[in-house]
């Protein structure tokens, strides 16, 4: 599979995919890429603005295209947006990849995301909305994952080590 990422990170918003992704890339001596960053660069506006201006369905179309492009051409560590796994075609593309689901519980999520306006899906009642998102998504994250790495109470460095261990890339 030419051009496939070394590791793909999935998980809910605020779990640390960007931070851990950069650390993994550094450890593995490969490039780091985040599809949310790709979308912002291509669209010239924030993800929150896309949600407000065009709605979630339009954003998901843009996201699906960005994920497909990144999966086909990036050979380093790739972080996907929290909702990318909602698309069945995206989940199919993840089959056969090394996919790490970074998980966390609701208390940790509220601590990390709070009332951050940059997170459009958590704008009203973060705790309740996060629980509802996770009820809808958890099984999809688990289905797509090669390994599940809990992040609760762990430093980004500890999560990075756990991901490398889970994928048996420790000696990389």
C-alpha atoms as a PDB file:
ATOM      1  CA  UNK A   1       0.000   0.000   0.000  1.00  0.00           C
ATOM      2  CA  UNK A   2       2.115   2.859  -1.309  1.00  0.00           C
ATOM      3  CA  UNK A   3       1.759   6.157   0.469  1.00  0.00           C
ATOM      4  CA  UNK A   4      -0.074   4.730   3.475  1.00  0.00           C
ATOM      5  CA  UNK A   5       0.420   6.412   6.852  1.00  0.00           C
ATOM      6  CA  UNK A   6       2.602   4.710   9.455  1.00  0.00           C
ATOM      7  CA  UNK A   7      -0.077   5.411  12.094  1.00  0.00           C
ATOM      8  CA  UNK A   8      -3.549   6.940  11.895  1.00  0.00           C
ATOM      9  CA  UNK A   9      -4.924   8.502  15.079  1.00  0.00           C
ATOM     10  CA  UNK A  10      -8.663   8.636  15.718  1.00  0.00           C
ATOM     11  CA  UNK A  11     -10.696   9.678  18.734  1.00  0.00           C
ATOM     12  CA  UNK A  12     -12.928  12.407  20.093  1.00  0.00           C
ATOM     13  CA  UNK A  13     -12.136  16.109  20.032  1.00  0.00           C
ATOM     14  CA  UNK A  14      -9.751  17.166  22.759  1.00  0.00           C
ATOM     15  CA  UNK A  15      -8.259  13.710  23.305  1.00  0.00           C
ATOM     16  CA  UNK A  16      -4.791  14.823  22.219  1.00  0.00           C
ATOM     17  CA  UNK A  17      -4.510  13.476  18.681  1.00  0.00           C
ATOM     18  CA  UNK A  18      -2.476  16.496  17.520  1.00  0.00           C
ATOM     19  CA  UNK A  19      -0.113  16.494  20.500  1.00  0.00           C
ATOM     20  CA  UNK A  20       0.415  12.731  20.516  1.00  0.00           C
ATOM     21  CA  UNK A  21       0.611  12.676  16.713  1.00  0.00           C
ATOM     22  CA  UNK A  22       3.486  15.149  16.712  1.00  0.00           C
ATOM     23  CA  UNK A  23       5.304  13.146  19.400  1.00  0.00           C
ATOM     24  CA  UNK A  24       4.796   9.880  17.499  1.00  0.00           C
ATOM     25  CA  UNK A  25       6.060  11.462  14.282  1.00  0.00           C
ATOM     26  CA  UNK A  26       9.128  12.733  16.102  1.00  0.00           C
ATOM     27  CA  UNK A  27       9.818   9.314  17.657  1.00  0.00           C
ATOM     28  CA  UNK A  28       9.359   7.511  14.328  1.00  0.00           C
ATOM     29  CA  UNK A  29      11.238  10.174  12.367  1.00  0.00           C
ATOM     30  CA  UNK A  30       8.352  10.752   9.950  1.00  0.00           C
ATOM     31  CA  UNK A  31       6.126  13.706   9.052  1.00  0.00           C
ATOM     32  CA  UNK A  32       2.968  14.621  10.964  1.00  0.00           C
ATOM     33  CA  UNK A  33      -0.283  15.621   9.271  1.00  0.00           C
ATOM     34  CA  UNK A  34      -3.731  16.536  10.610  1.00  0.00           C
ATOM     35  CA  UNK A  35      -6.741  16.486   8.297  1.00  0.00           C
ATOM     36  CA  UNK A  36      -8.364  19.316  10.275  1.00  0.00           C
ATOM     37  CA  UNK A  37      -5.329  21.481   9.441  1.00  0.00           C
ATOM     38  CA  UNK A  38      -5.629  20.411   5.786  1.00  0.00           C
ATOM     39  CA  UNK A  39      -9.272  21.497   5.749  1.00  0.00           C
ATOM     40  CA  UNK A  40      -8.534  24.898   7.325  1.00  0.00           C
ATOM     41  CA  UNK A  41      -5.716  25.502   4.828  1.00  0.00           C
ATOM     42  CA  UNK A  42      -7.795  24.436   1.815  1.00  0.00           C
ATOM     43  CA  UNK A  43     -10.935  26.318   2.847  1.00  0.00           C
ATOM     44  CA  UNK A  44      -9.209  29.421   4.204  1.00  0.00           C
ATOM     45  CA  UNK A  45     -11.413  29.458   7.296  1.00  0.00           C
ATOM     46  CA  UNK A  46     -11.857  27.647  10.589  1.00  0.00           C
ATOM     47  CA  UNK A  47     -13.818  24.458  10.991  1.00  0.00           C
ATOM     48  CA  UNK A  48     -16.193  26.329  13.315  1.00  0.00           C
ATOM     49  CA  UNK A  49     -16.831  28.847  10.517  1.00  0.00           C
ATOM     50  CA  UNK A  50     -17.557  26.041   8.038  1.00  0.00           C
ATOM     51  CA  UNK A  51     -20.067  24.555  10.506  1.00  0.00           C
ATOM     52  CA  UNK A  52     -21.763  27.928  11.025  1.00  0.00           C
ATOM     53  CA  UNK A  53     -21.743  28.979   7.353  1.00  0.00           C
ATOM     54  CA  UNK A  54     -22.590  25.679   5.686  1.00  0.00           C
ATOM     55  CA  UNK A  55     -23.624  23.186   8.369  1.00  0.00           C
ATOM     56  CA  UNK A  56     -22.280  19.831   9.474  1.00  0.00           C
ATOM     57  CA  UNK A  57     -23.288  17.853   6.344  1.00  0.00           C
ATOM     58  CA  UNK A  58     -21.279  20.199   4.085  1.00  0.00           C
ATOM     59  CA  UNK A  59     -18.317  19.996   6.466  1.00  0.00           C
ATOM     60  CA  UNK A  60     -18.445  16.164   6.427  1.00  0.00           C
ATOM     61  CA  UNK A  61     -18.201  16.182   2.607  1.00  0.00           C
ATOM     62  CA  UNK A  62     -15.104  18.407   2.798  1.00  0.00           C
ATOM     63  CA  UNK A  63     -13.672  16.245   5.588  1.00  0.00           C
ATOM     64  CA  UNK A  64     -14.222  12.995   3.679  1.00  0.00           C
ATOM     65  CA  UNK A  65     -12.291  14.385   0.697  1.00  0.00           C
ATOM     66  CA  UNK A  66      -9.449  15.603   2.945  1.00  0.00           C
ATOM     67  CA  UNK A  67      -9.189  12.235   4.706  1.00  0.00           C
ATOM     68  CA  UNK A  68      -9.179  10.287   1.432  1.00  0.00           C
ATOM     69  CA  UNK A  69      -6.402  12.506   0.061  1.00  0.00           C
ATOM     70  CA  UNK A  70      -4.303  12.224   3.233  1.00  0.00           C
ATOM     71  CA  UNK A  71      -4.709   8.446   3.513  1.00  0.00           C
ATOM     72  CA  UNK A  72      -3.588   8.015  -0.089  1.00  0.00           C
ATOM     73  CA  UNK A  73      -0.562  10.266   0.057  1.00  0.00           C
ATOM     74  CA  UNK A  74       0.823  10.657   3.567  1.00  0.00           C
ATOM     75  CA  UNK A  75       3.488   8.243   4.813  1.00  0.00           C
ATOM     76  CA  UNK A  76       3.891   9.580   8.349  1.00  0.00           C
ATOM     77  CA  UNK A  77       1.562   9.963  11.319  1.00  0.00           C
ATOM     78  CA  UNK A  78      -1.942  11.131  10.400  1.00  0.00           C
ATOM     79  CA  UNK A  79      -4.531  12.532  12.821  1.00  0.00           C
ATOM     80  CA  UNK A  80      -8.181  12.550  11.750  1.00  0.00           C
ATOM     81  CA  UNK A  81     -10.899  14.879  13.013  1.00  0.00           C
ATOM     82  CA  UNK A  82     -13.172  13.475  15.718  1.00  0.00           C
ATOM     83  CA  UNK A  83     -16.090  12.839  13.371  1.00  0.00           C
ATOM     84  CA  UNK A  84     -14.178  11.487  10.380  1.00  0.00           C
ATOM     85  CA  UNK A  85     -15.065   7.899  11.297  1.00  0.00           C
ATOM     86  CA  UNK A  86     -18.787   8.653  10.840  1.00  0.00           C
ATOM     87  CA  UNK A  87     -18.372   8.067   7.100  1.00  0.00           C
ATOM     88  CA  UNK A  88     -18.571   4.370   6.099  1.00  0.00           C
ATOM     89  CA  UNK A  89     -16.226   4.902   3.131  1.00  0.00           C
ATOM     90  CA  UNK A  90     -13.647   6.461   5.445  1.00  0.00           C
ATOM     91  CA  UNK A  91     -13.929   3.506   7.821  1.00  0.00           C
ATOM     92  CA  UNK A  92     -13.444   1.155   4.853  1.00  0.00           C
ATOM     93  CA  UNK A  93     -10.297   3.069   3.846  1.00  0.00           C
ATOM     94  CA  UNK A  94      -8.970   2.631   7.399  1.00  0.00           C
ATOM     95  CA  UNK A  95      -9.228  -1.157   7.162  1.00  0.00           C
ATOM     96  CA  UNK A  96      -5.733  -2.601   7.011  1.00  0.00           C
ATOM     97  CA  UNK A  97      -4.120   0.568   8.385  1.00  0.00           C
ATOM     98  CA  UNK A  98      -2.478   0.906  11.813  1.00  0.00           C
ATOM     99  CA  UNK A  99      -5.232   2.868  13.546  1.00  0.00           C
ATOM    100  CA  UNK A 100      -4.932   3.986  17.159  1.00  0.00           C
ATOM    101  CA  UNK A 101      -8.103   5.082  18.940  1.00  0.00           C
ATOM    102  CA  UNK A 102      -7.156   7.517  21.704  1.00  0.00           C
ATOM    103  CA  UNK A 103      -9.939   7.253  24.278  1.00  0.00           C
ATOM    104  CA  UNK A 104     -10.950   9.295  27.326  1.00  0.00           C
ATOM    105  CA  UNK A 105     -13.885   9.475  29.720  1.00  0.00           C
ATOM    106  CA  UNK A 106     -16.346  12.351  29.971  1.00  0.00           C
ATOM    107  CA  UNK A 107     -14.728  14.034  32.987  1.00  0.00           C
ATOM    108  CA  UNK A 108     -11.385  14.192  31.213  1.00  0.00           C
ATOM    109  CA  UNK A 109     -13.120  15.463  28.064  1.00  0.00           C
ATOM    110  CA  UNK A 110     -14.823  18.311  29.910  1.00  0.00           C
ATOM    111  CA  UNK A 111     -11.509  19.267  31.531  1.00  0.00           C
ATOM    112  CA  UNK A 112      -9.781  19.321  28.164  1.00  0.00           C
ATOM    113  CA  UNK A 113     -12.467  20.890  25.971  1.00  0.00           C
ATOM    114  CA  UNK A 114     -14.434  22.986  28.467  1.00  0.00           C
ATOM    115  CA  UNK A 115     -16.671  25.525  26.796  1.00  0.00           C
ATOM    116  CA  UNK A 116     -14.320  26.082  23.889  1.00  0.00           C
ATOM    117  CA  UNK A 117     -16.194  27.977  21.162  1.00  0.00           C
ATOM    118  CA  UNK A 118     -13.875  26.487  18.544  1.00  0.00           C
ATOM    119  CA  UNK A 119     -15.658  23.174  19.081  1.00  0.00           C
ATOM    120  CA  UNK A 120     -19.016  23.734  17.382  1.00  0.00           C
ATOM    121  CA  UNK A 121     -20.524  20.393  18.376  1.00  0.00           C
ATOM    122  CA  UNK A 122     -19.984  21.162  22.077  1.00  0.00           C
ATOM    123  CA  UNK A 123     -21.201  24.756  22.088  1.00  0.00           C
ATOM    124  CA  UNK A 124     -24.297  24.458  24.285  1.00  0.00           C
ATOM    125  CA  UNK A 125     -23.889  21.796  26.995  1.00  0.00           C
ATOM    126  CA  UNK A 126     -20.417  20.271  26.618  1.00  0.00           C
ATOM    127  CA  UNK A 127     -20.806  17.409  29.105  1.00  0.00           C
ATOM    128  CA  UNK A 128     -24.171  16.244  27.758  1.00  0.00           C
ATOM    129  CA  UNK A 129     -23.228  16.727  24.115  1.00  0.00           C
ATOM    130  CA  UNK A 130     -19.893  14.956  24.532  1.00  0.00           C
ATOM    131  CA  UNK A 131     -21.649  11.956  26.131  1.00  0.00           C
ATOM    132  CA  UNK A 132     -24.156  11.856  23.262  1.00  0.00           C
ATOM    133  CA  UNK A 133     -21.400  12.122  20.635  1.00  0.00           C
ATOM    134  CA  UNK A 134     -19.476   9.299  22.276  1.00  0.00           C
ATOM    135  CA  UNK A 135     -22.578   7.082  22.524  1.00  0.00           C
ATOM    136  CA  UNK A 136     -22.990   7.532  18.767  1.00  0.00           C
ATOM    137  CA  UNK A 137     -19.301   7.186  17.891  1.00  0.00           C
ATOM    138  CA  UNK A 138     -17.553   4.870  20.387  1.00  0.00           C
ATOM    139  CA  UNK A 139     -18.417   1.674  18.509  1.00  0.00           C
ATOM    140  CA  UNK A 140     -17.202   3.259  15.243  1.00  0.00           C
ATOM    141  CA  UNK A 141     -13.870   4.230  16.819  1.00  0.00           C
ATOM    142  CA  UNK A 142     -13.509   0.712  18.217  1.00  0.00           C
ATOM    143  CA  UNK A 143     -14.480  -0.884  14.888  1.00  0.00           C
ATOM    144  CA  UNK A 144     -11.854   1.139  12.991  1.00  0.00           C
ATOM    145  CA  UNK A 145      -9.073   0.735  15.566  1.00  0.00           C
ATOM    146  CA  UNK A 146      -6.141  -1.627  15.509  1.00  0.00           C
ATOM    147  CA  UNK A 147      -5.382  -0.565  19.107  1.00  0.00           C
ATOM    148  CA  UNK A 148      -7.179   1.421  21.812  1.00  0.00           C
ATOM    149  CA  UNK A 149      -5.031   3.638  24.037  1.00  0.00           C
ATOM    150  CA  UNK A 150      -6.699   5.330  27.033  1.00  0.00           C
ATOM    151  CA  UNK A 151      -5.425   8.863  27.667  1.00  0.00           C
ATOM    152  CA  UNK A 152      -7.051   9.586  31.038  1.00  0.00           C
ATOM    153  CA  UNK A 153      -4.535  10.722  33.638  1.00  0.00           C
ATOM    154  CA  UNK A 154      -1.610  10.168  31.257  1.00  0.00           C
ATOM    155  CA  UNK A 155       0.866  12.675  29.895  1.00  0.00           C
ATOM    156  CA  UNK A 156       1.194  12.968  26.108  1.00  0.00           C
ATOM    157  CA  UNK A 157       4.551  11.206  26.410  1.00  0.00           C
ATOM    158  CA  UNK A 158       2.952   8.282  28.268  1.00  0.00           C
ATOM    159  CA  UNK A 159       0.203   8.039  25.643  1.00  0.00           C
ATOM    160  CA  UNK A 160       2.842   8.086  22.898  1.00  0.00           C
ATOM    161  CA  UNK A 161       4.718   5.210  24.568  1.00  0.00           C
ATOM    162  CA  UNK A 162       1.475   3.259  25.018  1.00  0.00           C
ATOM    163  CA  UNK A 163       0.599   3.729  21.327  1.00  0.00           C
ATOM    164  CA  UNK A 164       4.048   2.533  20.234  1.00  0.00           C
ATOM    165  CA  UNK A 165       3.746  -0.468  22.568  1.00  0.00           C
ATOM    166  CA  UNK A 166       0.239  -1.287  21.327  1.00  0.00           C
ATOM    167  CA  UNK A 167       1.423  -1.278  17.719  1.00  0.00           C
ATOM    168  CA  UNK A 168       4.709  -3.018  18.597  1.00  0.00           C
ATOM    169  CA  UNK A 169       6.693  -0.100  17.195  1.00  0.00           C
ATOM    170  CA  UNK A 170       8.628   0.503  20.409  1.00  0.00           C
ATOM    171  CA  UNK A 171      12.002  -0.163  18.804  1.00  0.00           C
ATOM    172  CA  UNK A 172      11.332   2.187  15.910  1.00  0.00           C
END
